[in-house]
Amino acid sequence: MNRFFLASNPPPETAAGLSPGEQLMAVAMFLAIIIVSLLAGLLIGQSAPPTNGNTAQRPQSARSRQQRPQNGGNTTSRTLLRTLLAARRRNQNRKRHSRKPGLVTQFTHIYKTPRGHKYRFRYKEIRTNHWRIYILKHPSYGPGNHSGITTHRLWDGQVRKHYICWTGQIKCLEDAMYVSRRWAHGTDNYLRNGRFT
């Protein structure tokens, strides 16, 4: 009797050629597949068959009959894949648009105008989709009163730097670079003839 018991119950590491950890992993993978398929069914809108014994089905529209594959193939896996990919894209878009400003959202750039003046700007996102252009270097204005109004500059007391005064909201880095180029050309004109154009 004791021999039969030992022969019918081999040690755990040799059962089906898998160790206990591998067996546990296989069971976990099987359960994960079942859970994903159930969730995908809920996302797609498929419901379980009625449990009250009522097997009557709703009539299908002509469009839903046309979407059914003609060759008898199974599109559930394709639909599941499309649904999961769409959910992943939505999640990535949420992450992309919900990032906090100030994280890797600044950039320094040197711009040289056709007249040979060099300007250095720091582009920084201060709020989501709201960029500010700090002026790090520009040509000297020379003697006289060169107020922030005439030179289109404002002062940021926290950073202790001037930034470009622009009426609209600057929504992206490309727009900020365009605004800084326009400001540099306007400053060149101001230095030449006293008018910011």
N, C-alpha and C. Protein backbone atom coordinates (compact mmCIF):
# COMPACT_ATOMS: atom_id res chain seq x y z
N MET A 1 0.83 -1.19 0.00
CA MET A 1 0.00 0.00 0.00
C MET A 1 0.87 1.24 0.00
N ASN A 2 1.92 1.20 0.81
CA ASN A 2 2.80 2.35 0.89
C ASN A 2 3.52 2.57 -0.44
N ARG A 3 3.88 1.52 -1.15
CA ARG A 3 4.54 1.65 -2.43
C ARG A 3 3.63 2.29 -3.46
N PHE A 4 2.35 1.88 -3.47
CA PHE A 4 1.39 2.43 -4.42
C PHE A 4 1.23 3.93 -4.18
N PHE A 5 1.18 4.33 -2.92
CA PHE A 5 1.02 5.75 -2.60
C PHE A 5 2.20 6.55 -3.13
N LEU A 6 3.42 6.04 -2.97
CA LEU A 6 4.59 6.75 -3.46
C LEU A 6 4.63 6.78 -4.98
N ALA A 7 4.21 5.70 -5.63
CA ALA A 7 4.27 5.66 -7.09
C ALA A 7 3.21 6.57 -7.70
N SER A 8 2.05 6.72 -7.07
CA SER A 8 1.00 7.54 -7.66
C SER A 8 1.20 9.02 -7.38
N ASN A 9 2.01 9.38 -6.39
CA ASN A 9 2.26 10.79 -6.08
C ASN A 9 3.75 11.07 -6.20
N PRO A 10 4.21 11.38 -7.40
CA PRO A 10 5.64 11.67 -7.55
C PRO A 10 5.99 12.98 -6.84
N PRO A 11 7.26 13.20 -6.58
CA PRO A 11 7.68 14.45 -5.92
C PRO A 11 7.21 15.67 -6.73
N PRO A 12 6.97 16.82 -6.08
CA PRO A 12 6.41 17.99 -6.76
C PRO A 12 7.27 18.51 -7.89
N GLU A 13 8.59 18.38 -7.81
CA GLU A 13 9.42 18.94 -8.86
C GLU A 13 9.36 18.14 -10.15
N THR A 14 8.85 16.91 -10.13
CA THR A 14 8.78 16.12 -11.36
C THR A 14 7.37 16.02 -11.89
N ALA A 15 6.36 16.53 -11.22
CA ALA A 15 4.98 16.43 -11.69
C ALA A 15 4.83 17.24 -12.96
N ALA A 16 4.47 16.58 -14.04
CA ALA A 16 4.27 17.18 -15.35
C ALA A 16 5.52 17.91 -15.83
N GLY A 17 6.67 17.62 -15.26
CA GLY A 17 7.90 18.24 -15.70
C GLY A 17 8.06 19.69 -15.26
N LEU A 18 7.21 20.17 -14.36
CA LEU A 18 7.27 21.57 -13.93
C LEU A 18 7.51 21.63 -12.43
N SER A 19 8.27 22.60 -12.01
CA SER A 19 8.48 22.83 -10.58
C SER A 19 7.23 23.50 -10.02
N PRO A 20 7.06 23.53 -8.71
CA PRO A 20 5.88 24.18 -8.13
C PRO A 20 5.75 25.65 -8.55
N GLY A 21 6.88 26.35 -8.66
CA GLY A 21 6.82 27.75 -9.09
C GLY A 21 6.34 27.90 -10.52
N GLU A 22 6.80 26.98 -11.39
CA GLU A 22 6.37 27.01 -12.78
C GLU A 22 4.89 26.66 -12.91
N GLN A 23 4.43 25.70 -12.10
CA GLN A 23 3.01 25.35 -12.12
C GLN A 23 2.16 26.54 -11.68
N LEU A 24 2.60 27.24 -10.64
CA LEU A 24 1.87 28.41 -10.16
C LEU A 24 1.84 29.50 -11.23
N MET A 25 2.96 29.68 -11.94
CA MET A 25 3.02 30.67 -13.01
C MET A 25 2.08 30.31 -14.14
N ALA A 26 1.99 29.02 -14.49
CA ALA A 26 1.09 28.59 -15.56
C ALA A 26 -0.36 28.84 -15.17
N VAL A 27 -0.72 28.56 -13.93
CA VAL A 27 -2.09 28.80 -13.46
C VAL A 27 -2.38 30.30 -13.48
N ALA A 28 -1.41 31.11 -13.05
CA ALA A 28 -1.61 32.57 -13.03
C ALA A 28 -1.79 33.10 -14.45
N MET A 29 -1.02 32.59 -15.40
CA MET A 29 -1.16 33.03 -16.80
C MET A 29 -2.53 32.64 -17.34
N PHE A 30 -2.98 31.42 -17.02
CA PHE A 30 -4.30 30.96 -17.48
C PHE A 30 -5.40 31.87 -16.93
N LEU A 31 -5.31 32.19 -15.64
CA LEU A 31 -6.31 33.07 -15.03
C LEU A 31 -6.25 34.48 -15.62
N ALA A 32 -5.05 34.96 -15.91
CA ALA A 32 -4.91 36.30 -16.50
C ALA A 32 -5.56 36.35 -17.87
N ILE A 33 -5.40 35.30 -18.66
CA ILE A 33 -6.02 35.25 -19.99
C ILE A 33 -7.54 35.27 -19.86
N ILE A 34 -8.06 34.53 -18.92
CA ILE A 34 -9.52 34.49 -18.72
C ILE A 34 -10.02 35.87 -18.29
N ILE A 35 -9.32 36.50 -17.37
CA ILE A 35 -9.75 37.82 -16.88
C ILE A 35 -9.70 38.85 -18.01
N VAL A 36 -8.64 38.84 -18.80
CA VAL A 36 -8.52 39.80 -19.91
C VAL A 36 -9.64 39.58 -20.92
N SER A 37 -9.93 38.32 -21.24
CA SER A 37 -11.00 38.08 -22.21
C SER A 37 -12.36 38.51 -21.66
N LEU A 38 -12.59 38.32 -20.36
CA LEU A 38 -13.85 38.78 -19.76
C LEU A 38 -13.94 40.30 -19.78
N LEU A 39 -12.85 40.96 -19.43
CA LEU A 39 -12.84 42.43 -19.46
C LEU A 39 -13.03 42.95 -20.88
N ALA A 40 -12.40 42.30 -21.83
CA ALA A 40 -12.56 42.72 -23.22
C ALA A 40 -14.00 42.54 -23.66
N GLY A 41 -14.63 41.47 -23.23
CA GLY A 41 -16.04 41.28 -23.55
C GLY A 41 -16.90 42.37 -22.98
N LEU A 42 -16.58 42.82 -21.76
CA LEU A 42 -17.33 43.92 -21.16
C LEU A 42 -17.08 45.22 -21.89
N LEU A 43 -15.83 45.45 -22.29
CA LEU A 43 -15.51 46.68 -23.01
C LEU A 43 -16.18 46.72 -24.38
N ILE A 44 -16.22 45.60 -25.04
CA ILE A 44 -16.79 45.55 -26.38
C ILE A 44 -18.30 45.64 -26.31
N GLY A 45 -18.87 45.24 -25.21
CA GLY A 45 -20.32 45.29 -25.06
C GLY A 45 -20.97 43.95 -25.26
N GLN A 46 -20.16 42.92 -25.32
CA GLN A 46 -20.74 41.59 -25.43
C GLN A 46 -21.23 41.18 -24.06
N SER A 47 -22.36 40.53 -24.02
CA SER A 47 -22.88 40.08 -22.73
C SER A 47 -22.98 38.56 -22.74
N ALA A 48 -23.07 38.03 -21.56
CA ALA A 48 -23.21 36.58 -21.42
C ALA A 48 -24.61 36.18 -21.88
N PRO A 49 -24.79 34.91 -22.31
CA PRO A 49 -26.12 34.48 -22.73
C PRO A 49 -27.09 34.54 -21.56
N PRO A 50 -28.37 34.74 -21.83
CA PRO A 50 -29.34 34.85 -20.75
C PRO A 50 -29.35 33.59 -19.89
N THR A 51 -29.47 33.77 -18.59
CA THR A 51 -29.43 32.64 -17.67
C THR A 51 -30.83 32.20 -17.23
N ASN A 52 -31.87 32.93 -17.61
CA ASN A 52 -33.20 32.58 -17.15
C ASN A 52 -33.90 31.58 -18.07
N GLY A 53 -33.15 30.99 -18.96
CA GLY A 53 -33.75 30.00 -19.85
C GLY A 53 -34.32 30.62 -21.12
N ASN A 54 -34.37 31.92 -21.20
CA ASN A 54 -34.89 32.59 -22.37
C ASN A 54 -33.77 32.67 -23.40
N THR A 55 -33.90 31.91 -24.46
CA THR A 55 -32.85 31.87 -25.47
C THR A 55 -33.20 32.71 -26.68
N ALA A 56 -34.24 33.50 -26.60
CA ALA A 56 -34.62 34.35 -27.74
C ALA A 56 -33.56 35.42 -27.93
N GLN A 57 -33.17 35.60 -29.18
CA GLN A 57 -32.16 36.60 -29.49
C GLN A 57 -32.81 37.76 -30.21
N ARG A 58 -32.16 38.92 -30.05
CA ARG A 58 -32.67 40.09 -30.75
C ARG A 58 -32.41 39.94 -32.24
N PRO A 59 -33.29 40.44 -33.08
CA PRO A 59 -33.01 40.39 -34.51
C PRO A 59 -31.82 41.28 -34.84
N GLN A 60 -30.98 40.84 -35.76
CA GLN A 60 -29.80 41.59 -36.12
C GLN A 60 -30.12 42.52 -37.29
N SER A 61 -29.50 43.66 -37.27
CA SER A 61 -29.68 44.59 -38.37
C SER A 61 -28.86 44.11 -39.57
N ALA A 62 -29.14 44.69 -40.72
CA ALA A 62 -28.41 44.31 -41.93
C ALA A 62 -26.94 44.66 -41.81
N ARG A 63 -26.65 45.76 -41.13
CA ARG A 63 -25.26 46.18 -40.99
C ARG A 63 -24.46 45.20 -40.14
N SER A 64 -25.04 44.74 -39.02
CA SER A 64 -24.31 43.80 -38.17
C SER A 64 -24.13 42.46 -38.88
N ARG A 65 -25.08 42.08 -39.75
CA ARG A 65 -24.89 40.84 -40.51
C ARG A 65 -23.78 40.98 -41.52
N GLN A 66 -23.62 42.20 -42.07
CA GLN A 66 -22.55 42.41 -43.05
C GLN A 66 -21.19 42.38 -42.38
N GLN A 67 -21.10 42.79 -41.13
CA GLN A 67 -19.82 42.82 -40.45
C GLN A 67 -19.34 41.43 -40.05
N ARG A 68 -20.24 40.46 -40.03
CA ARG A 68 -19.85 39.11 -39.67
C ARG A 68 -19.00 38.53 -40.81
N PRO A 69 -17.90 37.90 -40.50
CA PRO A 69 -17.04 37.36 -41.56
C PRO A 69 -17.77 36.30 -42.37
N GLN A 70 -17.56 36.34 -43.66
CA GLN A 70 -18.23 35.40 -44.56
C GLN A 70 -17.59 34.02 -44.53
N ASN A 71 -16.31 33.95 -44.18
CA ASN A 71 -15.61 32.67 -44.21
C ASN A 71 -15.73 31.90 -42.91
N GLY A 72 -16.53 32.39 -41.98
CA GLY A 72 -16.72 31.68 -40.72
C GLY A 72 -15.58 31.89 -39.75
N GLY A 73 -14.67 32.86 -40.02
CA GLY A 73 -13.53 33.12 -39.13
C GLY A 73 -13.97 33.79 -37.84
N ASN A 74 -13.10 33.77 -36.87
CA ASN A 74 -13.39 34.35 -35.56
C ASN A 74 -12.71 35.70 -35.46
N THR A 75 -13.50 36.76 -35.31
CA THR A 75 -12.94 38.11 -35.22
C THR A 75 -12.82 38.59 -33.78
N THR A 76 -13.13 37.73 -32.82
CA THR A 76 -13.08 38.15 -31.42
C THR A 76 -11.67 38.56 -31.03
N SER A 77 -10.67 37.81 -31.46
CA SER A 77 -9.29 38.16 -31.09
C SER A 77 -8.86 39.46 -31.73
N ARG A 78 -9.29 39.70 -32.99
CA ARG A 78 -8.96 40.97 -33.65
C ARG A 78 -9.64 42.13 -32.95
N THR A 79 -10.90 41.94 -32.59
CA THR A 79 -11.64 42.99 -31.90
C THR A 79 -11.02 43.26 -30.54
N LEU A 80 -10.63 42.22 -29.84
CA LEU A 80 -9.99 42.37 -28.55
C LEU A 80 -8.69 43.16 -28.69
N LEU A 81 -7.89 42.81 -29.71
CA LEU A 81 -6.63 43.49 -29.93
C LEU A 81 -6.86 44.96 -30.24
N ARG A 82 -7.84 45.26 -31.10
CA ARG A 82 -8.15 46.66 -31.43
C ARG A 82 -8.59 47.43 -30.19
N THR A 83 -9.42 46.81 -29.37
CA THR A 83 -9.91 47.48 -28.16
C THR A 83 -8.77 47.75 -27.19
N LEU A 84 -7.89 46.78 -27.00
CA LEU A 84 -6.78 46.97 -26.08
C LEU A 84 -5.81 48.03 -26.60
N LEU A 85 -5.56 48.05 -27.91
CA LEU A 85 -4.67 49.07 -28.47
C LEU A 85 -5.28 50.46 -28.35
N ALA A 86 -6.60 50.57 -28.58
CA ALA A 86 -7.27 51.87 -28.44
C ALA A 86 -7.21 52.34 -26.99
N ALA A 87 -7.40 51.44 -26.04
CA ALA A 87 -7.32 51.82 -24.63
C ALA A 87 -5.91 52.26 -24.27
N ARG A 88 -4.91 51.60 -24.84
CA ARG A 88 -3.52 51.98 -24.58
C ARG A 88 -3.23 53.37 -25.13
N ARG A 89 -3.73 53.66 -26.35
CA ARG A 89 -3.52 54.99 -26.93
C ARG A 89 -4.19 56.07 -26.08
N ARG A 90 -5.42 55.79 -25.62
CA ARG A 90 -6.12 56.76 -24.77
C ARG A 90 -5.34 57.01 -23.49
N ASN A 91 -4.81 55.95 -22.90
CA ASN A 91 -4.05 56.07 -21.67
C ASN A 91 -2.77 56.88 -21.90
N GLN A 92 -2.08 56.64 -23.03
CA GLN A 92 -0.88 57.40 -23.34
C GLN A 92 -1.21 58.87 -23.56
N ASN A 93 -2.33 59.16 -24.22
CA ASN A 93 -2.72 60.55 -24.44
C ASN A 93 -3.03 61.23 -23.12
N ARG A 94 -3.68 60.51 -22.21
CA ARG A 94 -3.96 61.09 -20.89
C ARG A 94 -2.67 61.41 -20.16
N LYS A 95 -1.71 60.49 -20.21
CA LYS A 95 -0.44 60.72 -19.54
C LYS A 95 0.29 61.90 -20.18
N ARG A 96 0.26 61.99 -21.51
CA ARG A 96 0.95 63.05 -22.20
C ARG A 96 0.37 64.41 -21.86
N HIS A 97 -0.96 64.52 -21.77
CA HIS A 97 -1.59 65.80 -21.52
C HIS A 97 -1.71 66.12 -20.05
N SER A 98 -1.48 65.15 -19.17
CA SER A 98 -1.62 65.43 -17.75
C SER A 98 -0.27 65.58 -17.06
N ARG A 99 0.81 65.67 -17.83
CA ARG A 99 2.11 65.82 -17.18
C ARG A 99 2.21 67.18 -16.52
N LYS A 100 3.03 67.26 -15.50
CA LYS A 100 3.16 68.49 -14.75
C LYS A 100 4.12 69.43 -15.47
N PRO A 101 3.77 70.71 -15.58
CA PRO A 101 4.70 71.64 -16.21
C PRO A 101 5.96 71.79 -15.37
N GLY A 102 7.05 72.09 -16.03
CA GLY A 102 8.32 72.25 -15.34
C GLY A 102 9.20 71.03 -15.43
N LEU A 103 8.66 69.89 -15.84
CA LEU A 103 9.46 68.68 -15.99
C LEU A 103 9.94 68.60 -17.43
N VAL A 104 11.21 68.78 -17.65
CA VAL A 104 11.83 68.73 -18.97
C VAL A 104 11.02 69.59 -19.95
N THR A 105 10.62 70.73 -19.52
CA THR A 105 9.85 71.61 -20.39
C THR A 105 10.53 72.96 -20.52
N GLN A 106 11.85 72.94 -20.61
CA GLN A 106 12.56 74.17 -20.90
C GLN A 106 13.68 73.88 -21.86
N PHE A 107 14.04 74.91 -22.62
CA PHE A 107 14.98 74.74 -23.70
C PHE A 107 15.69 76.07 -23.91
N THR A 108 17.00 76.06 -24.07
CA THR A 108 17.77 77.27 -24.31
C THR A 108 18.24 77.28 -25.76
N HIS A 109 18.15 78.45 -26.39
CA HIS A 109 18.46 78.55 -27.81
C HIS A 109 19.17 79.88 -28.09
N ILE A 110 20.16 79.85 -28.97
CA ILE A 110 20.86 81.06 -29.41
C ILE A 110 20.39 81.36 -30.83
N TYR A 111 20.00 82.60 -31.06
CA TYR A 111 19.51 83.01 -32.38
C TYR A 111 20.34 84.20 -32.85
N LYS A 112 20.80 84.14 -34.10
CA LYS A 112 21.57 85.22 -34.70
C LYS A 112 20.73 85.83 -35.82
N THR A 113 20.50 87.12 -35.74
CA THR A 113 19.69 87.81 -36.75
C THR A 113 20.52 88.08 -38.00
N PRO A 114 19.87 88.42 -39.11
CA PRO A 114 20.62 88.75 -40.33
C PRO A 114 21.56 89.94 -40.15
N ARG A 115 21.29 90.81 -39.19
CA ARG A 115 22.18 91.95 -38.95
C ARG A 115 23.38 91.57 -38.08
N GLY A 116 23.45 90.33 -37.61
CA GLY A 116 24.61 89.86 -36.88
C GLY A 116 24.50 89.91 -35.37
N HIS A 117 23.37 90.34 -34.83
CA HIS A 117 23.20 90.38 -33.38
C HIS A 117 22.83 88.99 -32.86
N LYS A 118 23.41 88.64 -31.72
CA LYS A 118 23.12 87.33 -31.11
C LYS A 118 22.17 87.52 -29.94
N TYR A 119 21.20 86.63 -29.87
CA TYR A 119 20.22 86.61 -28.78
C TYR A 119 20.22 85.20 -28.19
N ARG A 120 20.04 85.13 -26.89
CA ARG A 120 19.91 83.83 -26.23
C ARG A 120 18.63 83.84 -25.43
N PHE A 121 17.82 82.80 -25.65
CA PHE A 121 16.51 82.70 -25.01
C PHE A 121 16.41 81.38 -24.25
N ARG A 122 15.62 81.41 -23.19
CA ARG A 122 15.23 80.18 -22.51
C ARG A 122 13.71 80.06 -22.61
N TYR A 123 13.27 78.98 -23.22
CA TYR A 123 11.84 78.72 -23.38
C TYR A 123 11.43 77.80 -22.23
N LYS A 124 10.42 78.21 -21.49
CA LYS A 124 10.01 77.42 -20.33
C LYS A 124 8.49 77.34 -20.28
N GLU A 125 7.98 76.12 -20.05
CA GLU A 125 6.55 75.93 -19.90
C GLU A 125 6.20 76.19 -18.44
N ILE A 126 5.46 77.27 -18.19
CA ILE A 126 5.14 77.63 -16.81
C ILE A 126 3.83 77.01 -16.35
N ARG A 127 2.93 76.75 -17.27
CA ARG A 127 1.69 76.01 -17.02
C ARG A 127 1.48 75.12 -18.23
N THR A 128 0.54 74.22 -18.15
CA THR A 128 0.26 73.35 -19.27
C THR A 128 -0.15 74.20 -20.47
N ASN A 129 0.52 73.99 -21.59
CA ASN A 129 0.28 74.72 -22.84
C ASN A 129 0.40 76.23 -22.67
N HIS A 130 1.32 76.68 -21.85
CA HIS A 130 1.57 78.11 -21.68
C HIS A 130 3.07 78.30 -21.48
N TRP A 131 3.74 78.81 -22.53
CA TRP A 131 5.19 78.95 -22.53
C TRP A 131 5.58 80.40 -22.28
N ARG A 132 6.72 80.58 -21.65
CA ARG A 132 7.29 81.91 -21.43
C ARG A 132 8.70 81.90 -22.00
N ILE A 133 9.09 83.04 -22.61
CA ILE A 133 10.41 83.14 -23.26
C ILE A 133 11.25 84.14 -22.46
N TYR A 134 12.23 83.62 -21.73
CA TYR A 134 13.13 84.47 -20.96
C TYR A 134 14.26 84.93 -21.86
N ILE A 135 14.66 86.20 -21.71
CA ILE A 135 15.73 86.79 -22.50
C ILE A 135 17.01 86.69 -21.67
N LEU A 136 17.93 85.84 -22.11
CA LEU A 136 19.18 85.65 -21.37
C LEU A 136 20.27 86.59 -21.87
N LYS A 137 20.25 86.89 -23.18
CA LYS A 137 21.28 87.75 -23.75
C LYS A 137 20.69 88.50 -24.94
N HIS A 138 21.01 89.79 -25.03
CA HIS A 138 20.59 90.61 -26.17
C HIS A 138 21.57 91.75 -26.31
N PRO A 139 21.60 92.42 -27.46
CA PRO A 139 22.52 93.55 -27.63
C PRO A 139 22.17 94.69 -26.68
N SER A 140 23.14 95.49 -26.36
CA SER A 140 22.92 96.62 -25.47
C SER A 140 22.03 97.65 -26.16
N TYR A 141 21.11 98.23 -25.39
CA TYR A 141 20.26 99.28 -25.94
C TYR A 141 20.96 100.63 -25.97
N GLY A 142 22.06 100.76 -25.28
CA GLY A 142 22.78 102.03 -25.25
C GLY A 142 22.18 102.97 -24.22
N PRO A 143 22.62 104.25 -24.23
CA PRO A 143 22.10 105.20 -23.24
C PRO A 143 20.66 105.60 -23.56
N GLY A 144 19.96 106.04 -22.57
CA GLY A 144 18.60 106.51 -22.76
C GLY A 144 17.61 105.66 -21.99
N ASN A 145 16.34 106.03 -22.09
CA ASN A 145 15.27 105.33 -21.39
C ASN A 145 14.71 104.25 -22.32
N HIS A 146 14.97 103.03 -21.98
CA HIS A 146 14.48 101.90 -22.79
C HIS A 146 13.57 101.07 -21.90
N SER A 147 12.35 101.53 -21.74
CA SER A 147 11.41 100.87 -20.84
C SER A 147 10.96 99.54 -21.41
N GLY A 148 10.35 98.77 -20.53
CA GLY A 148 9.81 97.48 -20.97
C GLY A 148 8.68 97.63 -21.97
N ILE A 149 7.99 98.77 -21.93
CA ILE A 149 6.89 98.99 -22.88
C ILE A 149 7.43 99.15 -24.29
N THR A 150 8.46 99.98 -24.46
CA THR A 150 8.99 100.22 -25.81
C THR A 150 9.77 99.03 -26.34
N THR A 151 10.35 98.24 -25.46
CA THR A 151 11.15 97.09 -25.91
C THR A 151 10.40 95.77 -25.80
N HIS A 152 9.15 95.82 -25.38
CA HIS A 152 8.30 94.62 -25.28
C HIS A 152 8.92 93.56 -24.36
N ARG A 153 9.30 94.01 -23.16
CA ARG A 153 9.85 93.10 -22.16
C ARG A 153 9.09 93.27 -20.86
N LEU A 154 8.96 92.17 -20.13
CA LEU A 154 8.39 92.19 -18.78
C LEU A 154 9.42 91.59 -17.83
N TRP A 155 9.24 91.82 -16.52
CA TRP A 155 10.20 91.35 -15.52
C TRP A 155 9.57 90.26 -14.68
N ASP A 156 10.29 89.16 -14.51
CA ASP A 156 9.88 88.09 -13.62
C ASP A 156 10.74 88.19 -12.37
N GLY A 157 10.13 88.59 -11.25
CA GLY A 157 10.88 88.80 -10.02
C GLY A 157 11.40 87.52 -9.39
N GLN A 158 10.72 86.40 -9.61
CA GLN A 158 11.18 85.13 -9.02
C GLN A 158 12.45 84.64 -9.72
N VAL A 159 12.47 84.71 -11.04
CA VAL A 159 13.62 84.23 -11.80
C VAL A 159 14.66 85.34 -11.95
N ARG A 160 14.21 86.59 -11.77
CA ARG A 160 15.05 87.78 -11.94
C ARG A 160 15.58 87.89 -13.35
N LYS A 161 14.68 87.72 -14.30
CA LYS A 161 15.01 87.83 -15.72
C LYS A 161 13.87 88.54 -16.44
N HIS A 162 14.23 89.19 -17.55
CA HIS A 162 13.21 89.73 -18.43
C HIS A 162 12.65 88.60 -19.29
N TYR A 163 11.40 88.74 -19.67
CA TYR A 163 10.81 87.81 -20.64
C TYR A 163 10.03 88.61 -21.66
N ILE A 164 9.76 87.99 -22.79
CA ILE A 164 9.12 88.67 -23.92
C ILE A 164 7.65 88.91 -23.60
N CYS A 165 7.21 90.14 -23.84
CA CYS A 165 5.81 90.51 -23.67
C CYS A 165 5.07 90.15 -24.95
N TRP A 166 4.14 89.23 -24.85
CA TRP A 166 3.37 88.78 -26.01
C TRP A 166 1.91 88.72 -25.60
N THR A 167 1.02 89.25 -26.44
CA THR A 167 -0.39 89.37 -26.04
C THR A 167 -1.11 88.03 -25.98
N GLY A 168 -0.85 87.14 -26.90
CA GLY A 168 -1.56 85.86 -26.93
C GLY A 168 -0.87 84.82 -26.07
N GLN A 169 -1.54 83.69 -25.91
CA GLN A 169 -0.96 82.58 -25.16
C GLN A 169 -0.07 81.78 -26.10
N ILE A 170 1.13 81.49 -25.67
CA ILE A 170 2.08 80.70 -26.47
C ILE A 170 1.89 79.25 -26.05
N LYS A 171 1.38 78.42 -26.96
CA LYS A 171 0.94 77.08 -26.59
C LYS A 171 1.97 75.98 -26.76
N CYS A 172 3.00 76.20 -27.58
CA CYS A 172 3.97 75.13 -27.80
C CYS A 172 5.36 75.72 -28.04
N LEU A 173 6.37 74.87 -28.05
CA LEU A 173 7.75 75.31 -28.21
C LEU A 173 7.96 75.94 -29.58
N GLU A 174 7.35 75.40 -30.62
CA GLU A 174 7.53 75.96 -31.96
C GLU A 174 7.00 77.39 -32.03
N ASP A 175 5.85 77.63 -31.41
CA ASP A 175 5.30 78.99 -31.36
C ASP A 175 6.23 79.90 -30.57
N ALA A 176 6.79 79.40 -29.48
CA ALA A 176 7.70 80.21 -28.67
C ALA A 176 8.94 80.59 -29.46
N MET A 177 9.45 79.67 -30.26
CA MET A 177 10.63 79.98 -31.08
C MET A 177 10.29 81.02 -32.14
N TYR A 178 9.11 80.93 -32.72
CA TYR A 178 8.67 81.93 -33.70
C TYR A 178 8.57 83.31 -33.05
N VAL A 179 7.97 83.37 -31.86
CA VAL A 179 7.81 84.64 -31.16
C VAL A 179 9.18 85.24 -30.82
N SER A 180 10.12 84.41 -30.39
CA SER A 180 11.45 84.93 -30.04
C SER A 180 12.17 85.47 -31.28
N ARG A 181 12.00 84.83 -32.43
CA ARG A 181 12.61 85.35 -33.65
C ARG A 181 11.99 86.70 -34.03
N ARG A 182 10.66 86.77 -33.92
CA ARG A 182 9.98 88.05 -34.21
C ARG A 182 10.47 89.14 -33.27
N TRP A 183 10.62 88.81 -31.99
CA TRP A 183 11.08 89.80 -31.02
C TRP A 183 12.51 90.23 -31.33
N ALA A 184 13.37 89.28 -31.71
CA ALA A 184 14.76 89.62 -32.04
C ALA A 184 14.82 90.57 -33.24
N HIS A 185 14.01 90.31 -34.27
CA HIS A 185 13.99 91.20 -35.44
C HIS A 185 13.43 92.57 -35.06
N GLY A 186 12.40 92.59 -34.20
CA GLY A 186 11.85 93.86 -33.73
C GLY A 186 12.88 94.65 -32.93
N THR A 187 13.67 93.96 -32.10
CA THR A 187 14.71 94.63 -31.32
C THR A 187 15.80 95.18 -32.24
N ASP A 188 16.16 94.42 -33.27
CA ASP A 188 17.13 94.92 -34.25
C ASP A 188 16.63 96.22 -34.88
N ASN A 189 15.35 96.24 -35.26
CA ASN A 189 14.78 97.46 -35.84
C ASN A 189 14.79 98.60 -34.82
N TYR A 190 14.49 98.30 -33.55
CA TYR A 190 14.47 99.31 -32.50
C TYR A 190 15.87 99.90 -32.31
N LEU A 191 16.89 99.08 -32.34
CA LEU A 191 18.26 99.56 -32.18
C LEU A 191 18.70 100.42 -33.37
N ARG A 192 18.17 100.13 -34.54
CA ARG A 192 18.57 100.85 -35.76
C ARG A 192 17.84 102.18 -35.89
N ASN A 193 16.49 102.18 -35.73
CA ASN A 193 15.74 103.39 -35.99
C ASN A 193 14.82 103.83 -34.85
N GLY A 194 14.87 103.15 -33.70
CA GLY A 194 14.07 103.57 -32.55
C GLY A 194 12.63 103.11 -32.55
N ARG A 195 12.25 102.29 -33.53
CA ARG A 195 10.87 101.78 -33.59
C ARG A 195 10.89 100.26 -33.55
N PHE A 196 10.04 99.70 -32.71
CA PHE A 196 9.96 98.24 -32.57
C PHE A 196 8.93 97.73 -33.57
N THR A 197 9.39 97.21 -34.68
CA THR A 197 8.47 96.70 -35.71
C THR A 197 8.81 95.28 -36.08
